[in-house]
N, C-alpha and C. Protein backbone atom coordinates (compact mmCIF):
# COMPACT_ATOMS: atom_id res chain seq x y z
N UNK A 1 -40.66 -13.96 -11.13
CA UNK A 1 -39.67 -13.04 -10.56
C UNK A 1 -38.31 -13.35 -11.18
N UNK A 2 -37.70 -12.35 -11.80
CA UNK A 2 -36.42 -12.60 -12.46
C UNK A 2 -35.23 -12.39 -11.54
N UNK A 3 -35.35 -11.44 -10.60
CA UNK A 3 -34.27 -11.19 -9.66
C UNK A 3 -34.85 -11.13 -8.24
N UNK A 4 -33.99 -11.48 -7.29
CA UNK A 4 -34.39 -11.41 -5.89
C UNK A 4 -33.34 -10.59 -5.15
N UNK A 5 -33.78 -9.66 -4.34
CA UNK A 5 -32.89 -8.82 -3.54
C UNK A 5 -33.10 -9.17 -2.07
N UNK A 6 -31.99 -9.49 -1.40
CA UNK A 6 -32.04 -9.88 0.01
C UNK A 6 -31.07 -9.00 0.77
N UNK A 7 -31.52 -8.44 1.89
CA UNK A 7 -30.67 -7.62 2.74
C UNK A 7 -30.10 -8.49 3.86
N UNK A 8 -28.78 -8.46 4.01
CA UNK A 8 -28.13 -9.24 5.07
C UNK A 8 -27.29 -8.32 5.95
N UNK A 9 -27.19 -8.72 7.21
CA UNK A 9 -26.35 -8.01 8.19
C UNK A 9 -25.04 -8.78 8.30
N UNK A 10 -23.93 -8.08 8.10
CA UNK A 10 -22.61 -8.73 8.15
C UNK A 10 -21.73 -8.01 9.16
N UNK A 11 -21.04 -8.78 9.99
CA UNK A 11 -20.14 -8.23 11.00
C UNK A 11 -18.95 -9.18 11.16
N UNK A 12 -17.79 -8.78 10.66
CA UNK A 12 -16.57 -9.56 10.80
C UNK A 12 -15.43 -8.61 11.17
N UNK A 13 -14.58 -9.04 12.09
CA UNK A 13 -13.33 -8.31 12.29
C UNK A 13 -12.42 -8.70 11.13
N UNK A 14 -11.33 -7.97 10.99
CA UNK A 14 -10.36 -8.30 9.93
C UNK A 14 -9.88 -9.75 10.09
N UNK A 15 -9.54 -10.12 11.31
CA UNK A 15 -9.02 -11.48 11.55
C UNK A 15 -10.08 -12.55 11.30
N UNK A 16 -11.33 -12.27 11.64
CA UNK A 16 -12.41 -13.25 11.39
C UNK A 16 -12.62 -13.46 9.90
N UNK A 17 -12.44 -12.39 9.11
CA UNK A 17 -12.67 -12.51 7.67
C UNK A 17 -11.46 -13.03 6.91
N UNK A 18 -10.32 -13.05 7.54
CA UNK A 18 -9.07 -13.44 6.87
C UNK A 18 -9.17 -14.78 6.11
N UNK A 19 -9.70 -15.87 6.69
CA UNK A 19 -9.80 -17.13 5.93
C UNK A 19 -10.65 -16.99 4.67
N UNK A 20 -11.66 -16.13 4.70
CA UNK A 20 -12.50 -15.89 3.52
C UNK A 20 -11.71 -15.11 2.47
N UNK A 21 -10.98 -14.10 2.93
CA UNK A 21 -10.20 -13.26 2.03
C UNK A 21 -9.11 -14.07 1.34
N UNK A 22 -8.49 -14.96 2.09
CA UNK A 22 -7.41 -15.78 1.55
C UNK A 22 -7.90 -16.96 0.73
N UNK A 23 -9.20 -17.18 0.70
CA UNK A 23 -9.75 -18.27 -0.10
C UNK A 23 -9.81 -19.61 0.61
N UNK A 24 -9.44 -19.66 1.89
CA UNK A 24 -9.50 -20.92 2.63
C UNK A 24 -10.92 -21.28 3.00
N UNK A 25 -11.78 -20.29 3.11
CA UNK A 25 -13.22 -20.51 3.32
C UNK A 25 -13.93 -19.86 2.13
N UNK A 26 -14.86 -20.56 1.54
CA UNK A 26 -15.46 -20.11 0.28
C UNK A 26 -16.79 -19.41 0.42
N UNK A 27 -17.56 -19.73 1.47
CA UNK A 27 -18.91 -19.20 1.59
C UNK A 27 -19.15 -18.56 2.95
N UNK A 28 -19.96 -17.53 2.92
CA UNK A 28 -20.39 -16.84 4.13
C UNK A 28 -21.86 -17.19 4.36
N UNK A 29 -22.23 -17.35 5.61
CA UNK A 29 -23.64 -17.50 5.98
C UNK A 29 -23.96 -16.32 6.89
N UNK A 30 -24.93 -15.52 6.46
CA UNK A 30 -25.27 -14.31 7.21
C UNK A 30 -26.79 -14.21 7.38
N UNK A 31 -27.22 -13.59 8.48
CA UNK A 31 -28.66 -13.43 8.69
C UNK A 31 -29.22 -12.33 7.79
N UNK A 32 -30.37 -12.61 7.22
CA UNK A 32 -31.07 -11.58 6.44
C UNK A 32 -31.91 -10.76 7.40
N UNK A 33 -32.33 -9.60 6.97
CA UNK A 33 -33.15 -8.75 7.83
C UNK A 33 -34.55 -9.31 8.03
N UNK A 34 -34.94 -10.28 7.19
CA UNK A 34 -36.26 -10.90 7.36
C UNK A 34 -36.19 -12.23 8.11
N UNK A 35 -35.02 -12.55 8.71
CA UNK A 35 -34.91 -13.71 9.59
C UNK A 35 -34.34 -14.98 8.98
N UNK A 36 -34.09 -14.99 7.69
CA UNK A 36 -33.48 -16.18 7.06
C UNK A 36 -31.97 -16.11 7.19
N UNK A 37 -31.31 -17.25 6.98
CA UNK A 37 -29.86 -17.28 6.88
C UNK A 37 -29.51 -17.53 5.43
N UNK A 38 -28.64 -16.68 4.88
CA UNK A 38 -28.33 -16.71 3.46
C UNK A 38 -26.87 -17.11 3.28
N UNK A 39 -26.66 -18.10 2.41
CA UNK A 39 -25.31 -18.56 2.07
C UNK A 39 -24.94 -17.96 0.71
N UNK A 40 -23.75 -17.34 0.66
CA UNK A 40 -23.30 -16.72 -0.58
C UNK A 40 -21.76 -16.72 -0.63
N UNK A 41 -21.18 -16.53 -1.82
CA UNK A 41 -19.72 -16.57 -1.96
C UNK A 41 -19.04 -15.46 -1.16
N UNK A 42 -18.02 -15.84 -0.41
CA UNK A 42 -17.27 -14.86 0.38
C UNK A 42 -16.60 -13.82 -0.50
N UNK A 43 -16.28 -14.17 -1.71
CA UNK A 43 -15.63 -13.23 -2.63
C UNK A 43 -16.48 -11.98 -2.86
N UNK A 44 -17.78 -12.07 -2.65
CA UNK A 44 -18.67 -10.92 -2.84
C UNK A 44 -18.39 -9.82 -1.82
N UNK A 45 -17.80 -10.17 -0.68
CA UNK A 45 -17.53 -9.18 0.36
C UNK A 45 -16.10 -8.66 0.35
N UNK A 46 -15.22 -9.28 -0.40
CA UNK A 46 -13.81 -8.86 -0.40
C UNK A 46 -13.61 -7.38 -0.69
N UNK A 47 -14.34 -6.79 -1.65
CA UNK A 47 -14.12 -5.36 -1.92
C UNK A 47 -14.46 -4.43 -0.75
N UNK A 48 -15.19 -4.93 0.21
CA UNK A 48 -15.65 -4.11 1.33
C UNK A 48 -14.78 -4.25 2.58
N UNK A 49 -13.74 -5.07 2.51
CA UNK A 49 -12.88 -5.32 3.66
C UNK A 49 -11.96 -4.12 3.91
N UNK A 50 -11.95 -3.65 5.16
CA UNK A 50 -11.04 -2.59 5.59
C UNK A 50 -10.15 -3.15 6.70
N UNK A 51 -9.23 -2.34 7.20
CA UNK A 51 -8.39 -2.81 8.31
C UNK A 51 -9.21 -3.08 9.57
N UNK A 52 -10.43 -2.54 9.63
CA UNK A 52 -11.34 -2.80 10.76
C UNK A 52 -12.22 -4.03 10.53
N UNK A 53 -12.23 -4.57 9.34
CA UNK A 53 -13.08 -5.71 9.01
C UNK A 53 -14.20 -5.32 8.07
N UNK A 54 -15.34 -5.98 8.22
CA UNK A 54 -16.52 -5.70 7.41
C UNK A 54 -17.71 -5.59 8.35
N UNK A 55 -18.47 -4.52 8.19
CA UNK A 55 -19.63 -4.34 9.03
C UNK A 55 -20.67 -3.55 8.26
N UNK A 56 -21.92 -4.01 8.31
CA UNK A 56 -22.98 -3.26 7.68
C UNK A 56 -24.09 -4.12 7.15
N UNK A 57 -25.00 -3.45 6.48
CA UNK A 57 -26.10 -4.13 5.80
C UNK A 57 -25.79 -4.11 4.31
N UNK A 58 -25.92 -5.27 3.70
CA UNK A 58 -25.59 -5.43 2.29
C UNK A 58 -26.81 -5.94 1.53
N UNK A 59 -26.99 -5.41 0.33
CA UNK A 59 -28.05 -5.88 -0.55
C UNK A 59 -27.44 -6.89 -1.51
N UNK A 60 -27.91 -8.12 -1.44
CA UNK A 60 -27.46 -9.17 -2.35
C UNK A 60 -28.53 -9.36 -3.41
N UNK A 61 -28.12 -9.35 -4.66
CA UNK A 61 -29.08 -9.55 -5.74
C UNK A 61 -28.76 -10.88 -6.42
N UNK A 62 -29.79 -11.73 -6.52
CA UNK A 62 -29.66 -13.06 -7.10
C UNK A 62 -30.51 -13.14 -8.37
N UNK A 63 -30.02 -13.92 -9.35
CA UNK A 63 -30.83 -14.12 -10.55
C UNK A 63 -31.86 -15.23 -10.29
N UNK A 64 -32.65 -15.57 -11.30
CA UNK A 64 -33.73 -16.55 -11.10
C UNK A 64 -33.21 -17.96 -10.81
N UNK A 65 -31.90 -18.19 -11.04
CA UNK A 65 -31.31 -19.49 -10.71
C UNK A 65 -30.54 -19.44 -9.38
N UNK A 66 -30.79 -18.38 -8.62
CA UNK A 66 -30.15 -18.15 -7.31
C UNK A 66 -28.65 -17.94 -7.38
N UNK A 67 -28.17 -17.43 -8.51
CA UNK A 67 -26.76 -17.08 -8.64
C UNK A 67 -26.61 -15.62 -8.24
N UNK A 68 -25.64 -15.35 -7.38
CA UNK A 68 -25.39 -13.98 -6.93
C UNK A 68 -24.91 -13.13 -8.10
N UNK A 69 -25.57 -12.01 -8.34
CA UNK A 69 -25.17 -11.15 -9.45
C UNK A 69 -24.62 -9.79 -8.99
N UNK A 70 -24.93 -9.37 -7.77
CA UNK A 70 -24.33 -8.13 -7.27
C UNK A 70 -24.43 -8.04 -5.75
N UNK A 71 -23.52 -7.23 -5.20
CA UNK A 71 -23.48 -6.97 -3.76
C UNK A 71 -23.25 -5.48 -3.58
N UNK A 72 -24.11 -4.84 -2.82
CA UNK A 72 -23.96 -3.41 -2.55
C UNK A 72 -24.10 -3.16 -1.06
N UNK A 73 -23.23 -2.34 -0.52
CA UNK A 73 -23.36 -1.95 0.89
C UNK A 73 -24.37 -0.81 0.97
N UNK A 74 -25.38 -0.97 1.83
CA UNK A 74 -26.39 0.08 1.93
C UNK A 74 -26.39 0.80 3.27
N UNK A 75 -25.76 0.23 4.28
CA UNK A 75 -25.63 0.87 5.61
C UNK A 75 -24.29 0.57 6.19
């Protein structure tokens, strides 16, 4: 398998995500839809931050060395 796609549920208010946005916290841990907890760089979610925060289901794509290569909001 060359790539792995994992769906995660993310829910942060603007204030909860602020330390991640400012770089004071580097990684997010979020539940996947299949029951695992996935750790990934918080910077992957920065483009999705609104004044309401971040909420939704995101598809994380990892390469064969488990490096995050893309993040897409799907819900």
